[in-house]
Amino acid sequence: MRKCTVSLVMVLAFFLMPFGAMAAKRVSVKGNAVNVRTGPGTKYEIIWKGVEKYYPLEVIDQADNWYYVRDFEQDTGWIHKKLVDKTETVITVKERCNVRKGPGAKKGLAFVVDSGVSFRVLGRKGNWIKVQHADGDKGWIHKSLVW
């Protein structure tokens, strides 16, 4: 009987939970040299200074006009909502990432980047993502190389 009650409570909680609490919202930095803080306000200490354009973040909470966010390394902090938007972006998570001229491993090499480089997503083809860096460089990167 206890198992049944626990299951029923979990099912009810799932249906009563607001949609936003179930699915994490992704945002990206829209300016250059943006700061992330320890709390929701400018009086709080800056913990990430100079965050670059297109840096992707996952919103995990909100307080007024501030988002509590997490990045690809699971670091957290607060950012003002005017400093982010819903532009789809990715960030490299491997040490050496080949960005190709086309969607495929046999396509020519456009350039190489290290871990932690952010890109705007321009399109997708299969397991490949067409990306653009804030400096304008474009290419294709395999989805296994990004978050």
N, C-alpha and C. Protein backbone atom coordinates (compact mmCIF):
# COMPACT_ATOMS: atom_id res chain seq x y z
N MET A 1 0.83 -1.18 0.00
CA MET A 1 0.00 0.00 0.00
C MET A 1 0.87 1.25 0.00
N ARG A 2 1.96 1.24 0.77
CA ARG A 2 2.83 2.40 0.86
C ARG A 2 3.46 2.72 -0.49
N LYS A 3 3.89 1.70 -1.24
CA LYS A 3 4.48 1.90 -2.56
C LYS A 3 3.49 2.59 -3.49
N CYS A 4 2.24 2.18 -3.43
CA CYS A 4 1.19 2.75 -4.26
C CYS A 4 0.96 4.22 -3.92
N THR A 5 0.96 4.54 -2.62
CA THR A 5 0.76 5.92 -2.18
C THR A 5 1.91 6.81 -2.65
N VAL A 6 3.15 6.34 -2.51
CA VAL A 6 4.30 7.11 -2.94
C VAL A 6 4.24 7.35 -4.44
N SER A 7 3.88 6.33 -5.21
CA SER A 7 3.77 6.46 -6.66
C SER A 7 2.69 7.47 -7.03
N LEU A 8 1.56 7.41 -6.37
CA LEU A 8 0.47 8.33 -6.64
C LEU A 8 0.89 9.77 -6.34
N VAL A 9 1.58 9.98 -5.24
CA VAL A 9 2.05 11.32 -4.88
C VAL A 9 3.03 11.84 -5.94
N MET A 10 3.93 10.99 -6.44
CA MET A 10 4.88 11.40 -7.46
C MET A 10 4.18 11.77 -8.76
N VAL A 11 3.19 11.01 -9.15
CA VAL A 11 2.44 11.30 -10.38
C VAL A 11 1.69 12.62 -10.23
N LEU A 12 1.04 12.83 -9.10
CA LEU A 12 0.32 14.08 -8.86
C LEU A 12 1.28 15.28 -8.86
N ALA A 13 2.43 15.13 -8.24
CA ALA A 13 3.42 16.21 -8.21
C ALA A 13 3.88 16.57 -9.61
N PHE A 14 4.06 15.56 -10.45
CA PHE A 14 4.48 15.78 -11.83
C PHE A 14 3.45 16.63 -12.57
N PHE A 15 2.17 16.30 -12.44
CA PHE A 15 1.13 17.03 -13.17
C PHE A 15 0.83 18.40 -12.56
N LEU A 16 1.09 18.58 -11.30
CA LEU A 16 0.82 19.86 -10.66
C LEU A 16 2.00 20.82 -10.74
N MET A 17 3.17 20.33 -11.10
CA MET A 17 4.37 21.14 -11.19
C MET A 17 4.26 22.09 -12.39
N PRO A 18 4.61 23.35 -12.22
CA PRO A 18 4.58 24.26 -13.36
C PRO A 18 5.58 23.82 -14.43
N PHE A 19 5.26 24.05 -15.68
CA PHE A 19 6.09 23.58 -16.78
C PHE A 19 7.52 24.09 -16.66
N GLY A 20 7.71 25.36 -16.28
CA GLY A 20 9.05 25.95 -16.18
C GLY A 20 9.93 25.21 -15.20
N ALA A 21 9.35 24.59 -14.21
CA ALA A 21 10.14 23.88 -13.21
C ALA A 21 10.63 22.54 -13.74
N MET A 22 9.99 22.02 -14.78
CA MET A 22 10.36 20.73 -15.32
C MET A 22 11.47 20.86 -16.36
N ALA A 23 11.42 21.89 -17.18
CA ALA A 23 12.36 22.03 -18.27
C ALA A 23 13.26 23.25 -18.02
N ALA A 24 14.56 23.02 -18.04
CA ALA A 24 15.49 24.12 -17.84
C ALA A 24 15.49 25.02 -19.08
N LYS A 25 15.57 26.29 -18.84
CA LYS A 25 15.56 27.30 -19.90
C LYS A 25 17.00 27.66 -20.23
N ARG A 26 17.34 27.65 -21.52
CA ARG A 26 18.68 28.04 -21.95
C ARG A 26 18.65 29.48 -22.44
N VAL A 27 19.66 30.24 -22.07
CA VAL A 27 19.84 31.60 -22.53
C VAL A 27 21.32 31.75 -22.92
N SER A 28 21.63 32.88 -23.58
CA SER A 28 23.02 33.14 -23.92
C SER A 28 23.34 34.61 -23.69
N VAL A 29 24.58 34.86 -23.39
CA VAL A 29 25.03 36.23 -23.16
C VAL A 29 24.93 36.99 -24.48
N LYS A 30 24.33 38.19 -24.44
CA LYS A 30 24.17 38.95 -25.68
C LYS A 30 25.13 40.12 -25.79
N GLY A 31 25.83 40.45 -24.73
CA GLY A 31 26.79 41.54 -24.78
C GLY A 31 28.21 41.03 -24.70
N ASN A 32 29.16 41.94 -24.68
CA ASN A 32 30.56 41.58 -24.52
C ASN A 32 31.01 41.98 -23.12
N ALA A 33 31.87 41.18 -22.53
CA ALA A 33 32.45 41.46 -21.21
C ALA A 33 31.39 41.63 -20.14
N VAL A 34 30.49 40.66 -20.03
CA VAL A 34 29.40 40.67 -19.06
C VAL A 34 29.87 40.05 -17.74
N ASN A 35 29.34 40.53 -16.63
CA ASN A 35 29.70 40.00 -15.32
C ASN A 35 28.61 39.10 -14.75
N VAL A 36 29.04 38.09 -14.02
CA VAL A 36 28.14 37.20 -13.28
C VAL A 36 28.50 37.36 -11.81
N ARG A 37 27.46 37.42 -10.96
CA ARG A 37 27.65 37.78 -9.55
C ARG A 37 27.23 36.67 -8.59
N THR A 38 27.59 36.88 -7.31
CA THR A 38 27.26 35.90 -6.27
C THR A 38 25.79 35.99 -5.83
N GLY A 39 25.11 37.07 -6.16
CA GLY A 39 23.72 37.26 -5.77
C GLY A 39 22.98 38.13 -6.78
N PRO A 40 21.67 38.25 -6.62
CA PRO A 40 20.82 38.97 -7.58
C PRO A 40 20.82 40.49 -7.38
N GLY A 41 21.94 41.13 -7.73
CA GLY A 41 22.03 42.58 -7.62
C GLY A 41 23.45 43.05 -7.85
N THR A 42 23.61 44.33 -8.20
CA THR A 42 24.94 44.87 -8.48
C THR A 42 25.80 45.04 -7.23
N LYS A 43 25.20 44.95 -6.07
CA LYS A 43 25.98 45.07 -4.83
C LYS A 43 26.73 43.78 -4.50
N TYR A 44 26.38 42.70 -5.19
CA TYR A 44 27.03 41.41 -4.94
C TYR A 44 28.36 41.32 -5.69
N GLU A 45 29.25 40.51 -5.15
CA GLU A 45 30.59 40.32 -5.72
C GLU A 45 30.52 39.71 -7.12
N ILE A 46 31.41 40.18 -7.99
CA ILE A 46 31.53 39.60 -9.35
C ILE A 46 32.36 38.33 -9.23
N ILE A 47 31.82 37.22 -9.73
CA ILE A 47 32.56 35.96 -9.68
C ILE A 47 33.07 35.53 -11.06
N TRP A 48 32.42 35.95 -12.14
CA TRP A 48 32.91 35.73 -13.51
C TRP A 48 32.95 37.10 -14.16
N LYS A 49 34.11 37.55 -14.54
CA LYS A 49 34.26 38.87 -15.14
C LYS A 49 34.55 38.71 -16.63
N GLY A 50 33.87 39.52 -17.43
CA GLY A 50 34.15 39.54 -18.87
C GLY A 50 33.63 38.35 -19.64
N VAL A 51 32.48 37.82 -19.26
CA VAL A 51 31.89 36.69 -19.99
C VAL A 51 31.57 37.15 -21.41
N GLU A 52 31.96 36.34 -22.40
CA GLU A 52 31.84 36.72 -23.80
C GLU A 52 30.47 36.48 -24.40
N LYS A 53 30.23 37.19 -25.49
CA LYS A 53 29.01 37.04 -26.27
C LYS A 53 28.83 35.58 -26.70
N TYR A 54 27.59 35.13 -26.68
CA TYR A 54 27.15 33.78 -27.07
C TYR A 54 27.44 32.71 -26.01
N TYR A 55 27.94 33.10 -24.84
CA TYR A 55 28.20 32.11 -23.79
C TYR A 55 26.86 31.53 -23.34
N PRO A 56 26.66 30.20 -23.48
CA PRO A 56 25.37 29.60 -23.11
C PRO A 56 25.25 29.35 -21.61
N LEU A 57 24.04 29.57 -21.11
CA LEU A 57 23.75 29.39 -19.69
C LEU A 57 22.39 28.70 -19.54
N GLU A 58 22.26 27.97 -18.46
CA GLU A 58 21.00 27.30 -18.13
C GLU A 58 20.41 28.02 -16.92
N VAL A 59 19.19 28.51 -17.06
CA VAL A 59 18.52 29.22 -15.96
C VAL A 59 17.96 28.18 -14.99
N ILE A 60 18.34 28.31 -13.71
CA ILE A 60 17.83 27.37 -12.72
C ILE A 60 16.94 28.04 -11.68
N ASP A 61 16.93 29.38 -11.67
CA ASP A 61 16.03 30.11 -10.78
C ASP A 61 15.99 31.57 -11.22
N GLN A 62 15.06 32.32 -10.63
CA GLN A 62 14.93 33.73 -10.96
C GLN A 62 14.51 34.51 -9.72
N ALA A 63 15.07 35.72 -9.58
CA ALA A 63 14.69 36.65 -8.52
C ALA A 63 14.56 38.02 -9.16
N ASP A 64 13.33 38.50 -9.28
CA ASP A 64 13.05 39.76 -9.95
C ASP A 64 13.65 39.74 -11.36
N ASN A 65 14.57 40.65 -11.65
CA ASN A 65 15.15 40.76 -12.99
C ASN A 65 16.49 40.03 -13.12
N TRP A 66 16.74 39.11 -12.21
CA TRP A 66 18.01 38.37 -12.21
C TRP A 66 17.76 36.88 -12.39
N TYR A 67 18.64 36.24 -13.17
CA TYR A 67 18.59 34.79 -13.36
C TYR A 67 19.74 34.16 -12.59
N TYR A 68 19.42 33.06 -11.89
CA TYR A 68 20.44 32.22 -11.29
C TYR A 68 20.76 31.18 -12.34
N VAL A 69 22.03 31.13 -12.79
CA VAL A 69 22.39 30.31 -13.96
C VAL A 69 23.50 29.32 -13.63
N ARG A 70 23.59 28.33 -14.53
CA ARG A 70 24.64 27.30 -14.45
C ARG A 70 25.27 27.21 -15.83
N ASP A 71 26.59 27.02 -15.88
CA ASP A 71 27.25 26.89 -17.17
C ASP A 71 27.64 25.44 -17.44
N PHE A 72 28.37 25.22 -18.51
CA PHE A 72 28.73 23.86 -18.94
C PHE A 72 29.65 23.14 -17.96
N GLU A 73 30.31 23.89 -17.08
CA GLU A 73 31.18 23.29 -16.07
C GLU A 73 30.49 23.14 -14.72
N GLN A 74 29.17 23.40 -14.71
CA GLN A 74 28.33 23.32 -13.51
C GLN A 74 28.60 24.45 -12.51
N ASP A 75 29.30 25.50 -12.94
CA ASP A 75 29.48 26.67 -12.09
C ASP A 75 28.19 27.48 -12.11
N THR A 76 27.88 28.16 -10.99
CA THR A 76 26.63 28.91 -10.89
C THR A 76 26.89 30.36 -10.48
N GLY A 77 25.93 31.21 -10.82
CA GLY A 77 25.99 32.61 -10.45
C GLY A 77 24.74 33.34 -10.91
N TRP A 78 24.71 34.64 -10.69
CA TRP A 78 23.55 35.47 -11.02
C TRP A 78 23.91 36.45 -12.13
N ILE A 79 22.96 36.62 -13.09
CA ILE A 79 23.15 37.54 -14.20
C ILE A 79 21.85 38.30 -14.44
N HIS A 80 21.94 39.58 -14.76
CA HIS A 80 20.73 40.37 -15.02
C HIS A 80 20.11 39.91 -16.33
N LYS A 81 18.79 39.81 -16.36
CA LYS A 81 18.12 39.25 -17.53
C LYS A 81 18.27 40.10 -18.78
N LYS A 82 18.60 41.39 -18.64
CA LYS A 82 18.83 42.25 -19.82
C LYS A 82 20.14 41.91 -20.53
N LEU A 83 21.01 41.14 -19.88
CA LEU A 83 22.30 40.80 -20.45
C LEU A 83 22.30 39.49 -21.23
N VAL A 84 21.13 38.83 -21.28
CA VAL A 84 21.02 37.55 -21.99
C VAL A 84 19.80 37.60 -22.91
N ASP A 85 19.79 36.66 -23.87
CA ASP A 85 18.61 36.49 -24.71
C ASP A 85 18.46 35.01 -25.05
N LYS A 86 17.52 34.71 -25.93
CA LYS A 86 17.22 33.31 -26.25
C LYS A 86 17.93 32.81 -27.50
N THR A 87 18.97 33.52 -27.95
CA THR A 87 19.74 33.07 -29.10
C THR A 87 20.29 31.67 -28.80
N GLU A 88 20.12 30.76 -29.74
CA GLU A 88 20.63 29.40 -29.53
C GLU A 88 22.14 29.40 -29.70
N THR A 89 22.83 28.93 -28.67
CA THR A 89 24.29 28.90 -28.69
C THR A 89 24.81 27.59 -28.13
N VAL A 90 26.08 27.33 -28.41
CA VAL A 90 26.77 26.15 -27.87
C VAL A 90 28.16 26.58 -27.43
N ILE A 91 28.80 25.72 -26.65
CA ILE A 91 30.17 25.98 -26.20
C ILE A 91 30.96 24.68 -26.29
N THR A 92 32.20 24.78 -26.71
CA THR A 92 33.02 23.58 -26.88
C THR A 92 33.42 23.01 -25.51
N VAL A 93 33.41 21.68 -25.44
CA VAL A 93 33.70 21.00 -24.18
C VAL A 93 34.91 20.07 -24.26
N LYS A 94 35.53 20.00 -25.40
CA LYS A 94 36.72 19.16 -25.59
C LYS A 94 37.93 20.06 -25.80
N GLU A 95 39.12 19.56 -25.53
CA GLU A 95 40.34 20.35 -25.62
C GLU A 95 40.68 20.81 -27.04
N ARG A 96 40.54 19.97 -28.01
CA ARG A 96 40.87 20.35 -29.39
C ARG A 96 39.66 20.01 -30.26
N CYS A 97 39.00 21.04 -30.76
CA CYS A 97 37.79 20.85 -31.55
C CYS A 97 38.00 21.36 -32.97
N ASN A 98 37.84 20.48 -33.92
CA ASN A 98 37.94 20.87 -35.32
C ASN A 98 36.62 21.46 -35.77
N VAL A 99 36.69 22.65 -36.32
CA VAL A 99 35.52 23.28 -36.93
C VAL A 99 35.73 23.14 -38.43
N ARG A 100 34.77 22.50 -39.09
CA ARG A 100 34.91 22.13 -40.50
C ARG A 100 34.24 23.13 -41.44
N LYS A 101 34.61 23.04 -42.72
CA LYS A 101 34.02 23.90 -43.75
C LYS A 101 32.64 23.41 -44.19
N GLY A 102 32.32 22.19 -43.83
CA GLY A 102 31.03 21.61 -44.16
C GLY A 102 30.65 20.57 -43.12
N PRO A 103 29.41 20.06 -43.20
CA PRO A 103 28.94 19.09 -42.21
C PRO A 103 29.44 17.67 -42.45
N GLY A 104 30.65 17.38 -42.00
CA GLY A 104 31.20 16.05 -42.14
C GLY A 104 32.66 16.01 -41.74
N ALA A 105 33.10 14.86 -41.24
CA ALA A 105 34.49 14.70 -40.77
C ALA A 105 35.49 14.79 -41.92
N LYS A 106 35.06 14.55 -43.14
CA LYS A 106 35.96 14.60 -44.30
C LYS A 106 35.97 15.97 -44.97
N LYS A 107 35.18 16.88 -44.46
CA LYS A 107 35.17 18.25 -45.00
C LYS A 107 36.44 18.97 -44.54
N GLY A 108 36.85 19.96 -45.28
CA GLY A 108 38.07 20.70 -44.95
C GLY A 108 37.99 21.37 -43.58
N LEU A 109 39.14 21.60 -43.02
CA LEU A 109 39.24 22.23 -41.71
C LEU A 109 39.13 23.75 -41.87
N ALA A 110 38.18 24.36 -41.16
CA ALA A 110 38.02 25.82 -41.18
C ALA A 110 38.96 26.43 -40.15
N PHE A 111 38.90 25.91 -38.91
CA PHE A 111 39.78 26.35 -37.84
C PHE A 111 39.65 25.38 -36.67
N VAL A 112 40.52 25.53 -35.68
CA VAL A 112 40.56 24.67 -34.49
C VAL A 112 40.40 25.56 -33.26
N VAL A 113 39.61 25.08 -32.29
CA VAL A 113 39.42 25.82 -31.04
C VAL A 113 39.61 24.90 -29.84
N ASP A 114 39.87 25.51 -28.71
CA ASP A 114 40.01 24.78 -27.45
C ASP A 114 38.67 24.71 -26.73
N SER A 115 38.66 24.11 -25.58
CA SER A 115 37.47 24.03 -24.74
C SER A 115 37.07 25.42 -24.27
N GLY A 116 35.75 25.66 -24.18
CA GLY A 116 35.24 26.92 -23.65
C GLY A 116 35.02 28.02 -24.66
N VAL A 117 34.96 27.68 -25.95
CA VAL A 117 34.71 28.68 -26.99
C VAL A 117 33.23 28.63 -27.35
N SER A 118 32.58 29.79 -27.29
CA SER A 118 31.14 29.90 -27.53
C SER A 118 30.84 30.25 -28.99
N PHE A 119 29.71 29.71 -29.47
CA PHE A 119 29.26 29.97 -30.83
C PHE A 119 27.75 30.15 -30.87
N ARG A 120 27.30 30.94 -31.81
CA ARG A 120 25.88 31.05 -32.14
C ARG A 120 25.55 29.92 -33.12
N VAL A 121 24.40 29.29 -32.92
CA VAL A 121 23.97 28.21 -33.82
C VAL A 121 23.24 28.83 -35.01
N LEU A 122 23.71 28.49 -36.21
CA LEU A 122 23.09 28.99 -37.44
C LEU A 122 22.20 27.95 -38.11
N GLY A 123 22.47 26.68 -37.83
CA GLY A 123 21.68 25.60 -38.43
C GLY A 123 22.20 24.25 -38.00
N ARG A 124 21.50 23.23 -38.46
CA ARG A 124 21.88 21.85 -38.11
C ARG A 124 21.68 20.94 -39.31
N LYS A 125 22.52 19.93 -39.40
CA LYS A 125 22.38 18.89 -40.43
C LYS A 125 22.88 17.59 -39.83
N GLY A 126 21.93 16.72 -39.48
CA GLY A 126 22.30 15.47 -38.81
C GLY A 126 22.97 15.75 -37.48
N ASN A 127 24.17 15.20 -37.28
CA ASN A 127 24.92 15.40 -36.05
C ASN A 127 25.84 16.61 -36.09
N TRP A 128 25.69 17.43 -37.12
CA TRP A 128 26.56 18.59 -37.30
C TRP A 128 25.79 19.88 -37.06
N ILE A 129 26.50 20.86 -36.48
CA ILE A 129 25.90 22.15 -36.15
C ILE A 129 26.69 23.25 -36.87
N LYS A 130 25.99 24.07 -37.64
CA LYS A 130 26.63 25.21 -38.28
C LYS A 130 26.69 26.33 -37.25
N VAL A 131 27.91 26.85 -37.02
CA VAL A 131 28.12 27.83 -35.95
C VAL A 131 28.82 29.08 -36.46
N GLN A 132 28.68 30.14 -35.65
CA GLN A 132 29.38 31.39 -35.92
C GLN A 132 29.92 31.94 -34.61
N HIS A 133 31.20 32.27 -34.61
CA HIS A 133 31.83 32.87 -33.44
C HIS A 133 31.50 34.36 -33.42
N ALA A 134 31.63 35.00 -32.27
CA ALA A 134 31.35 36.44 -32.13
C ALA A 134 32.23 37.29 -33.05
N ASP A 135 33.41 36.77 -33.43
CA ASP A 135 34.29 37.52 -34.34
C ASP A 135 33.91 37.34 -35.81
N GLY A 136 32.86 36.52 -36.06
CA GLY A 136 32.38 36.34 -37.42
C GLY A 136 32.78 35.03 -38.09
N ASP A 137 33.79 34.33 -37.56
CA ASP A 137 34.21 33.06 -38.15
C ASP A 137 33.07 32.05 -38.11
N LYS A 138 32.89 31.32 -39.23
CA LYS A 138 31.81 30.34 -39.34
C LYS A 138 32.37 28.97 -39.69
N GLY A 139 31.59 27.94 -39.35
CA GLY A 139 31.97 26.59 -39.70
C GLY A 139 30.97 25.60 -39.14
N TRP A 140 31.34 24.33 -39.24
CA TRP A 140 30.50 23.23 -38.77
C TRP A 140 31.25 22.45 -37.70
N ILE A 141 30.54 22.10 -36.63
CA ILE A 141 31.15 21.35 -35.52
C ILE A 141 30.24 20.17 -35.16
N HIS A 142 30.85 19.06 -34.80
CA HIS A 142 30.07 17.89 -34.43
C HIS A 142 29.43 18.11 -33.07
N LYS A 143 28.19 17.65 -32.91
CA LYS A 143 27.44 17.89 -31.67
C LYS A 143 28.09 17.27 -30.43
N SER A 144 28.93 16.26 -30.60
CA SER A 144 29.58 15.62 -29.45
C SER A 144 30.66 16.51 -28.84
N LEU A 145 31.01 17.59 -29.52
CA LEU A 145 32.08 18.47 -29.04
C LEU A 145 31.57 19.68 -28.28
N VAL A 146 30.23 19.80 -28.17
CA VAL A 146 29.66 21.01 -27.56
C VAL A 146 28.58 20.69 -26.52
N TRP A 147 28.31 21.71 -25.69
CA TRP A 147 27.22 21.67 -24.70
C TRP A 147 26.21 22.69 -25.10
